[in-house]
Structures are given as C-alpha cells and as structure tokens.
Amino acid sequence: MTSIEKPWNETEFSRRLQQGEVQFPPAQIRLIDAKEKGTCGGADGVLEIAWQGESPRFVYEYRASSTPKAVETAMLQVQRYARQLNLLPLVITPYLSEQALRLLEAEEVSGIDLSGNGILNAPGLAVWRSGRPNRFKESQPLRNVYRGNISLLTRAFLLQNEFSSLAALRAFVLQRLLLPSGATAESLLTKGTVSKVVQVLDAEKIVLRDKESVRLTSPQRLLEGLRTSAVRPRGRGILGKTPLSAEEVWNRLNARGIRAVVTGEGSAGRYRVLSGMDKLALYVDHLEEVVDLLEVKETRVFPNLQLIEENSDVVYFDTRQEGLVRWASPIQAWLELSLGGPREREAAQSLETALLEGQADSLL
C-alpha cells in the first residue's frame, strides 16, 4: 500500500531536489540553477534531465498543490519563463492526473510529479507515464462539496450561474430551501462554509471568483462532481395503500405543515422525460406521523403510495410547487435518474442538457 505524505512546500522541495531526492527514473535529474541564486529570471529553477544520450534543459515551476487551477497557473507562468530564457517549460507538482497530463501535452509543456507520473517533451526525448497513485494528501477546506447540505451551494450554480457576492449565494440557497415547520435558516450554511465551498470550486476551475462576483465556468465538471458523489436516500420507508386520493394526501400534508416532496424519480413524469409512476412516491421528514395521517396500510400488493423518511435538507432544495403538489428539483430528478437503469439514465440526458444550458428554472 502506498504511504500518504503531506505535500512538500517549496522550501522542502528545493532541499530535496538539491539532495537528489526528486527522481523520474530512468531519466536522471540534475539541478542547474535555483531561484535562490537569482539568475533564472524569477522562475523556480533550471533542471537538466538526461536520458538515452540526451540532456535537455528545462526551466521549472513547482506547485505544492495539485488542483487543476494550480497546474494551469504554473503552466502559464513557466511558458513565459521558457520564452524569456529560451529553455523548455516544465511543471512539477505532487500529483498529475491523467487530465492534467493531457492538458500539458496539448500545450507542449512537460510535467513530472512526485508520485511517479509525468510527460517529457524535448528534442530526442518523449516520455509519458501515468497511473501511479497519488502519494500526497492535500489539506483542503472541505472534502466533498457535492454531498450533504454543503452541496446546496454547489447546486445553486446550476440555477443561477453568477452571484454578486458570497452573501448573495447563501441568501439564494436559503430562499430556495423548504425548511421544517417552525425552523429558521440562520444556523444553516454559515458564511465560513460558503467561503470554503467556493474556494474548493474555484481551485477545481468550476467557478471563477474575483472582486466583482463568483460565477460558474464549467457546468460539465460540476455535474460530474454531483453525479459521482450521488447516493440514494437511505432513510426508512414504507410501501403501502392509502384510501385517500392524491389531492386529499396533499391537503392533509399541507394542512399539518409537514415537509414533503415527490421523489426525484417520481418527478420525472412532471418534467416529461419519463411516463408517470403508478404510485405516489414521497420524501417526508416524519414517517410515523405521515403513516397515521394518510391512513397507510403496508402492502406490496398493488401499492399506491411509497413514503421515504428523509431529514436531509438536500431533497427539499429548489422544490417546485404546482397547485397542492410539491415536485423535486430538476437537479434532484436528474441525479436519481442517473443512478437508475438504462431507461432512467437515458431520461436523465434530457434533464442534463437543460441543466448545462442553464434552463433549470424553465422546466416548471
């Protein structure tokens, strides 16, 4: 098993490089110049990489972070130094993903990481190595901005792609959230949490934050993050029959002030991507109370009602009211369909197109 280390800061990297600990076998790396000497034009340094009788020289930039933004920033900077010094450009980070390597290849920039991956482009020298695991664990503000209540901030960018401030982003999320009866939103999604989520999304080049605003720049990456992190709600549930009509069901739920919404998959018919379900499927946050209120008898023989207890705020975000009925957000519908079988995944494509084009609010 590969041991996990903390990323080396610039001082530690420089020390280890000078001691010959930075390697990319079978090539041999030799430090020619370093920033401390002040002779490499502001770049981190100059390396000679020898292999198969060739020993081209590279001006390099090291980044202790391996995020897409860090890699791209280093790449743009080292390209400028390479033109000034008439040397080949090289980026070094703790880890280079397959995507990062392909970006460097497209820009004709070499890159090596401290985990054993890399690409070297030079006259008489062509090396590509990938698939080595990341040896380094980066300390990020948040681990997963695509799951749990903090994902509401991420989802918000699919509904409005630009916000004037972090406070505006938070206010938008809270305004779109269906809260339990009597609850207040002040304790949800603190200003610090909002800042951390945006910091992660900015580092991943999904949003761009500047002095004027924070705006979505890569909806496709955002959707992929949501999809890969998605899990089906795991609350208790009951499948059964109620003697009430759908209208009576909603009348009772609304009169009691119970938080309830049609499931994402159950809402697919409303968004016209699948035919409607043969039973009403709801998320509710107090299962026993709702079972009694709706006079539900558990049965698997021709059930007309499915109840799933869900206390997380995620499924109650961006719900759409139509008369008495409260439908799930098109984002929630898309996620649940994406987790289904071939028929459901095909239906999810229509919703995905609408989300990518910023048309989520026009769906209902």
Protein backbone atom coordinates (compact mmCIF):
# COMPACT_ATOMS: atom_id res chain seq x y z
CA MET A 1 0.00 0.00 0.00
CA THR A 2 1.31 3.46 -0.92
CA SER A 3 2.03 5.61 2.12
CA ILE A 4 0.35 9.01 2.17
CA GLU A 5 2.51 12.08 2.81
CA LYS A 6 1.83 15.75 3.21
CA PRO A 7 2.68 17.77 0.08
CA TRP A 8 6.14 19.30 0.18
CA ASN A 9 6.20 23.08 0.43
CA GLU A 10 8.59 24.99 -1.83
CA THR A 11 11.37 25.07 0.74
CA GLU A 12 11.23 21.33 1.35
CA PHE A 13 11.00 20.60 -2.37
CA SER A 14 14.07 22.75 -3.05
CA ARG A 15 16.02 20.99 -0.30
CA ARG A 16 15.11 17.52 -1.53
CA LEU A 17 15.84 18.48 -5.13
CA GLN A 18 19.33 19.65 -4.20
CA GLN A 19 19.88 16.39 -2.31
CA GLY A 20 18.89 14.35 -5.36
CA GLU A 21 15.65 13.01 -3.86
CA VAL A 22 13.45 14.19 -6.76
CA GLN A 23 13.65 11.43 -9.35
CA PHE A 24 11.91 10.31 -12.52
CA PRO A 25 13.63 7.04 -13.49
CA PRO A 26 15.08 6.01 -15.80
CA ALA A 27 15.76 9.68 -16.55
CA GLN A 28 18.31 11.44 -14.35
CA ILE A 29 17.52 14.88 -12.95
CA ARG A 30 20.24 17.40 -12.13
CA LEU A 31 19.72 20.88 -10.70
CA ILE A 32 21.49 23.52 -12.78
CA ASP A 33 20.17 26.73 -11.26
CA ALA A 34 17.85 27.72 -8.42
CA LYS A 35 15.77 30.76 -7.55
CA GLU A 36 18.00 31.48 -4.57
CA LYS A 37 20.87 32.34 -6.94
CA GLY A 38 18.69 34.93 -8.67
CA THR A 39 19.90 34.00 -12.16
CA CYS A 40 16.88 32.20 -13.60
CA GLY A 41 14.65 35.19 -14.25
CA GLY A 42 12.24 34.70 -11.35
CA ALA A 43 11.48 31.07 -12.17
CA ASP A 44 11.89 28.39 -9.52
CA GLY A 45 14.96 27.00 -11.26
CA VAL A 46 16.58 25.20 -14.17
CA LEU A 47 16.97 21.41 -14.46
CA GLU A 48 18.84 19.11 -16.78
CA ILE A 49 17.07 15.82 -17.48
CA ALA A 50 19.29 13.17 -19.05
CA TRP A 51 18.05 10.03 -20.78
CA GLN A 52 19.19 7.90 -23.74
CA GLY A 53 22.08 10.20 -24.56
CA GLU A 54 20.00 13.39 -24.50
CA SER A 55 20.17 16.01 -21.73
CA PRO A 56 17.82 18.91 -22.49
CA ARG A 57 17.43 21.74 -20.01
CA PHE A 58 14.10 22.87 -18.57
CA VAL A 59 13.02 25.90 -16.63
CA TYR A 60 10.61 24.65 -14.00
CA GLU A 61 7.82 25.86 -11.71
CA TYR A 62 6.90 23.85 -8.62
CA ARG A 63 3.45 23.93 -7.02
CA ALA A 64 2.69 22.27 -3.68
CA SER A 65 -0.96 21.97 -4.77
CA SER A 66 -2.13 19.58 -7.49
CA THR A 67 -5.51 21.19 -8.21
CA PRO A 68 -6.37 21.92 -11.86
CA LYS A 69 -6.10 25.64 -11.15
CA ALA A 70 -2.63 25.25 -9.62
CA VAL A 71 -1.41 23.17 -12.56
CA GLU A 72 -2.78 25.61 -15.15
CA THR A 73 -1.35 28.64 -13.34
CA ALA A 74 2.07 27.02 -13.14
CA MET A 75 1.87 26.03 -16.81
CA LEU A 76 1.10 29.58 -17.97
CA GLN A 77 3.86 31.02 -15.80
CA VAL A 78 6.54 28.56 -16.88
CA GLN A 79 5.67 29.08 -20.54
CA ARG A 80 6.52 32.75 -20.08
CA TYR A 81 9.83 31.95 -18.38
CA ALA A 82 10.67 29.43 -21.10
CA ARG A 83 10.28 32.09 -23.79
CA GLN A 84 12.43 34.54 -21.83
CA LEU A 85 15.23 32.06 -21.15
CA ASN A 86 14.95 30.04 -24.39
CA LEU A 87 14.53 26.84 -22.39
CA LEU A 88 11.91 24.09 -22.33
CA PRO A 89 8.98 24.52 -19.88
CA LEU A 90 8.42 22.05 -17.02
CA VAL A 91 5.75 21.90 -14.32
CA ILE A 92 6.32 19.90 -11.11
CA THR A 93 3.58 19.07 -8.59
CA PRO A 94 2.95 16.34 -6.01
CA TYR A 95 0.50 14.64 -8.38
CA LEU A 96 -0.54 14.94 -12.02
CA SER A 97 -3.81 13.31 -13.02
CA GLU A 98 -4.44 11.89 -16.48
CA GLN A 99 -6.43 15.03 -17.26
CA ALA A 100 -3.56 17.27 -16.14
CA LEU A 101 -1.08 15.32 -18.25
CA ARG A 102 -3.25 15.70 -21.31
CA LEU A 103 -3.55 19.44 -20.73
CA LEU A 104 0.23 19.74 -20.52
CA GLU A 105 0.65 17.61 -23.63
CA ALA A 106 -1.77 19.81 -25.59
CA GLU A 107 0.18 22.90 -24.54
CA GLU A 108 3.57 21.28 -25.29
CA VAL A 109 4.67 21.66 -21.69
CA SER A 110 6.48 18.91 -19.81
CA GLY A 111 5.41 17.87 -16.35
CA ILE A 112 6.51 15.44 -13.68
CA ASP A 113 5.04 14.74 -10.28
CA LEU A 114 6.43 13.39 -7.03
CA SER A 115 4.26 10.28 -7.34
CA GLY A 116 5.96 8.89 -10.46
CA ASN A 117 3.77 10.23 -13.26
CA GLY A 118 4.88 12.60 -15.96
CA ILE A 119 5.30 13.70 -19.54
CA LEU A 120 8.59 14.88 -21.05
CA ASN A 121 8.68 16.60 -24.42
CA ALA A 122 12.06 17.59 -25.80
CA PRO A 123 14.08 17.06 -29.00
CA GLY A 124 15.03 13.39 -28.99
CA LEU A 125 13.12 12.77 -25.76
CA ALA A 126 9.49 11.67 -25.37
CA VAL A 127 8.23 10.07 -22.16
CA TRP A 128 4.68 9.53 -20.89
CA ARG A 129 3.95 7.78 -17.62
CA SER A 130 0.63 7.72 -15.78
CA GLY A 131 -1.41 5.53 -13.47
CA ARG A 132 0.77 5.83 -10.38
CA PRO A 133 -1.32 6.56 -7.24
CA ASN A 134 -1.17 9.91 -5.51
CA ARG A 135 1.34 9.73 -2.63
CA PHE A 136 0.22 13.03 -1.19
CA LYS A 137 -2.86 14.08 0.68
CA GLU A 138 -3.72 17.72 0.20
CA SER A 139 -5.33 19.64 3.02
CA GLN A 140 -8.46 21.17 1.51
CA PRO A 141 -11.10 23.30 3.21
CA LEU A 142 -13.76 20.66 2.61
CA ARG A 143 -13.57 17.08 1.40
CA ASN A 144 -16.68 16.82 -0.73
CA VAL A 145 -18.69 19.82 -1.83
CA TYR A 146 -21.07 17.59 -3.81
CA ARG A 147 -22.71 15.73 -0.95
CA GLY A 148 -24.79 16.73 2.07
CA ASN A 149 -26.08 20.17 2.90
CA ILE A 150 -22.99 21.94 1.57
CA SER A 151 -23.87 20.57 -1.88
CA LEU A 152 -26.79 23.01 -1.91
CA LEU A 153 -24.26 25.76 -2.57
CA THR A 154 -22.81 23.76 -5.45
CA ARG A 155 -26.26 23.03 -6.91
CA ALA A 156 -27.17 26.72 -6.75
CA PHE A 157 -24.81 27.47 -9.66
CA LEU A 158 -26.96 25.28 -11.93
CA LEU A 159 -29.92 27.53 -11.16
CA GLN A 160 -28.12 30.87 -11.33
CA ASN A 161 -24.65 30.88 -12.80
CA GLU A 162 -23.40 34.12 -11.24
CA PHE A 163 -23.68 35.77 -7.83
CA SER A 164 -22.53 39.23 -6.85
CA SER A 165 -21.11 38.01 -3.54
CA LEU A 166 -20.87 35.03 -1.22
CA ALA A 167 -23.68 36.56 0.83
CA ALA A 168 -25.86 36.62 -2.29
CA LEU A 169 -25.09 32.94 -2.94
CA ARG A 170 -26.03 32.00 0.63
CA ALA A 171 -29.24 34.06 0.51
CA PHE A 172 -30.23 32.39 -2.77
CA VAL A 173 -29.80 28.90 -1.32
CA LEU A 174 -31.75 29.66 1.84
CA GLN A 175 -34.56 31.26 -0.17
CA ARG A 176 -34.88 28.09 -2.26
CA LEU A 177 -34.88 25.73 0.71
CA LEU A 178 -38.06 24.20 2.14
CA LEU A 179 -37.48 24.18 5.89
CA PRO A 180 -39.32 22.13 8.52
CA SER A 181 -42.26 23.87 10.13
CA GLY A 182 -41.03 26.42 12.68
CA ALA A 183 -37.35 26.11 11.69
CA THR A 184 -35.13 29.06 10.81
CA ALA A 185 -32.29 29.16 8.31
CA GLU A 186 -29.80 31.25 10.27
CA SER A 187 -27.80 28.30 11.58
CA LEU A 188 -27.54 26.66 8.15
CA LEU A 189 -24.58 27.21 5.83
CA THR A 190 -22.51 29.71 7.75
CA LYS A 191 -20.57 32.40 5.94
CA GLY A 192 -17.39 30.44 6.60
CA THR A 193 -18.85 27.32 4.99
CA VAL A 194 -19.91 29.28 1.91
CA SER A 195 -16.39 30.68 1.58
CA LYS A 196 -14.80 27.22 1.88
CA VAL A 197 -17.12 25.68 -0.73
CA VAL A 198 -16.39 28.45 -3.22
CA GLN A 199 -12.67 28.10 -2.50
CA VAL A 200 -12.79 24.41 -3.45
CA LEU A 201 -14.87 25.05 -6.59
CA ASP A 202 -12.51 27.85 -7.61
CA ALA A 203 -9.46 25.61 -7.12
CA GLU A 204 -11.10 22.95 -9.29
CA LYS A 205 -11.78 25.57 -12.01
CA ILE A 206 -15.52 25.04 -11.77
CA VAL A 207 -16.27 28.60 -10.69
CA LEU A 208 -14.27 31.78 -11.02
CA ARG A 209 -14.17 34.15 -8.09
CA ASP A 210 -12.98 37.72 -8.48
CA LYS A 211 -13.62 41.06 -6.80
CA GLU A 212 -16.86 41.55 -8.73
CA SER A 213 -18.60 38.19 -8.47
CA VAL A 214 -18.41 34.42 -8.34
CA ARG A 215 -19.62 32.68 -11.47
CA LEU A 216 -19.89 29.21 -12.95
CA THR A 217 -17.32 28.45 -15.64
CA SER A 218 -17.58 24.66 -16.04
CA PRO A 219 -21.11 23.29 -15.62
CA GLN A 220 -19.99 19.94 -17.04
CA ARG A 221 -17.43 19.44 -14.28
CA LEU A 222 -19.96 20.49 -11.68
CA LEU A 223 -22.49 17.95 -12.94
CA GLU A 224 -19.85 15.24 -13.00
CA GLY A 225 -18.94 16.00 -9.40
CA LEU A 226 -22.56 15.75 -8.33
CA ARG A 227 -23.08 12.53 -10.27
CA THR A 228 -20.01 10.72 -8.96
CA SER A 229 -20.86 11.68 -5.36
CA ALA A 230 -24.57 10.93 -5.55
CA VAL A 231 -26.14 8.31 -3.29
CA ARG A 232 -29.73 7.24 -3.00
CA PRO A 233 -31.54 8.45 0.14
CA ARG A 234 -31.25 5.68 2.74
CA GLY A 235 -33.97 6.59 5.19
CA ARG A 236 -36.64 4.21 6.45
CA GLY A 237 -39.53 3.65 4.12
CA ILE A 238 -42.89 2.04 3.68
CA LEU A 239 -44.75 0.78 0.62
CA GLY A 240 -48.50 0.58 1.03
CA LYS A 241 -52.01 1.73 0.29
CA THR A 242 -53.93 4.81 1.33
CA PRO A 243 -57.67 5.24 0.83
CA LEU A 244 -57.07 8.92 0.08
CA SER A 245 -56.86 10.49 -3.35
CA ALA A 246 -53.70 12.34 -4.33
CA GLU A 247 -55.49 15.63 -3.71
CA GLU A 248 -56.52 14.52 -0.22
CA VAL A 249 -52.99 13.37 0.52
CA TRP A 250 -51.56 16.78 -0.28
CA ASN A 251 -54.35 18.60 1.52
CA ARG A 252 -53.59 16.73 4.73
CA LEU A 253 -49.82 17.13 4.43
CA ASN A 254 -50.07 20.85 3.76
CA ALA A 255 -52.63 21.45 6.49
CA ARG A 256 -50.37 19.76 9.05
CA GLY A 257 -47.31 21.69 7.82
CA ILE A 258 -45.36 18.51 7.10
CA ARG A 259 -42.30 18.80 4.90
CA ALA A 260 -42.94 16.53 1.92
CA VAL A 261 -41.89 16.38 -1.73
CA VAL A 262 -42.27 13.94 -4.59
CA THR A 263 -39.05 11.96 -5.09
CA GLY A 264 -36.72 12.88 -7.91
CA GLU A 265 -37.57 9.74 -9.86
CA GLY A 266 -41.25 10.28 -9.15
CA SER A 267 -40.96 13.81 -10.55
CA ALA A 268 -39.60 12.58 -13.90
CA GLY A 269 -43.09 12.47 -15.38
CA ARG A 270 -43.67 16.11 -14.47
CA TYR A 271 -40.51 17.05 -16.36
CA ARG A 272 -41.72 14.98 -19.32
CA VAL A 273 -38.68 12.73 -19.52
CA LEU A 274 -40.47 9.55 -18.38
CA SER A 275 -44.06 8.45 -18.02
CA GLY A 276 -45.56 8.99 -14.58
CA MET A 277 -45.18 6.35 -11.85
CA ASP A 278 -48.09 4.09 -10.93
CA LYS A 279 -47.81 5.18 -7.28
CA LEU A 280 -47.15 8.41 -5.45
CA ALA A 281 -43.60 8.40 -4.03
CA LEU A 282 -42.76 10.99 -1.39
CA TYR A 283 -39.91 12.08 0.82
CA VAL A 284 -41.20 13.08 4.26
CA ASP A 285 -39.33 14.01 7.40
CA HIS A 286 -41.60 12.27 9.97
CA LEU A 287 -42.51 8.79 8.73
CA GLU A 288 -44.73 7.56 11.58
CA GLU A 289 -46.74 10.76 11.73
CA VAL A 290 -47.37 10.67 7.98
CA VAL A 291 -48.32 6.98 8.00
CA ASP A 292 -51.02 7.73 10.59
CA LEU A 293 -52.11 10.94 8.91
CA LEU A 294 -52.56 9.28 5.50
CA GLU A 295 -54.04 6.06 6.92
CA VAL A 296 -51.39 3.94 5.20
CA LYS A 297 -51.54 0.15 5.37
CA GLU A 298 -48.28 -1.54 4.43
CA THR A 299 -48.57 -3.91 1.46
CA ARG A 300 -46.71 -4.89 -1.67
CA VAL A 301 -49.88 -5.88 -3.48
CA PHE A 302 -50.88 -3.03 -5.79
CA PRO A 303 -49.47 -0.26 -3.55
CA ASN A 304 -50.44 3.32 -4.40
CA LEU A 305 -48.10 5.16 -2.01
CA GLN A 306 -44.41 4.99 -1.14
CA LEU A 307 -43.04 7.01 1.76
CA ILE A 308 -39.31 7.52 2.39
CA GLU A 309 -38.15 9.27 5.54
CA GLU A 310 -35.56 11.88 4.65
CA ASN A 311 -34.37 14.52 7.09
CA SER A 312 -31.54 15.89 4.97
CA ASP A 313 -32.26 19.30 3.50
CA VAL A 314 -30.88 18.26 0.12
CA VAL A 315 -34.07 16.71 -1.28
CA TYR A 316 -36.08 19.74 -0.12
CA PHE A 317 -33.94 22.24 -2.02
CA ASP A 318 -35.35 24.00 -5.08
CA THR A 319 -38.66 22.12 -4.92
CA ARG A 320 -41.32 23.22 -7.40
CA GLN A 321 -44.86 23.96 -6.28
CA GLU A 322 -47.73 23.25 -8.68
CA GLY A 323 -51.11 23.63 -7.06
CA LEU A 324 -51.07 21.39 -4.00
CA VAL A 325 -48.18 19.24 -5.24
CA ARG A 326 -44.53 19.85 -4.46
CA TRP A 327 -42.17 18.34 -7.06
CA ALA A 328 -38.48 17.64 -6.60
CA SER A 329 -35.92 19.96 -8.14
CA PRO A 330 -34.90 19.03 -11.69
CA ILE A 331 -31.39 18.65 -10.26
CA GLN A 332 -32.60 16.01 -7.80
CA ALA A 333 -34.63 14.32 -10.53
CA TRP A 334 -31.58 14.22 -12.82
CA LEU A 335 -29.38 12.74 -10.09
CA GLU A 336 -31.84 9.98 -9.17
CA LEU A 337 -32.44 9.06 -12.80
CA SER A 338 -28.65 8.98 -13.34
CA LEU A 339 -28.42 6.30 -10.66
CA GLY A 340 -31.10 4.14 -12.28
CA GLY A 341 -31.18 1.59 -15.07
CA PRO A 342 -30.63 2.17 -18.80
CA ARG A 343 -34.12 3.64 -19.31
CA GLU A 344 -33.70 6.07 -16.41
CA ARG A 345 -30.18 7.08 -17.45
CA GLU A 346 -31.40 7.83 -20.95
CA ALA A 347 -34.16 10.02 -19.48
CA ALA A 348 -31.56 11.80 -17.35
CA GLN A 349 -29.81 13.00 -20.52
CA SER A 350 -32.68 15.35 -21.38
CA LEU A 351 -32.53 16.95 -17.95
CA GLU A 352 -28.74 17.12 -18.12
CA THR A 353 -28.91 19.09 -21.35
CA ALA A 354 -31.30 21.58 -19.76
CA LEU A 355 -29.05 21.95 -16.71
CA LEU A 356 -25.96 22.51 -18.85
CA GLU A 357 -27.78 25.18 -20.83
CA GLY A 358 -28.95 26.97 -17.70
CA GLN A 359 -32.61 26.16 -18.30
CA ALA A 360 -33.43 24.54 -14.94
CA ASP A 361 -35.92 27.21 -13.95
CA SER A 362 -37.79 26.98 -17.23
CA LEU A 363 -38.65 23.32 -16.63
CA LEU A 364 -41.58 24.16 -14.34
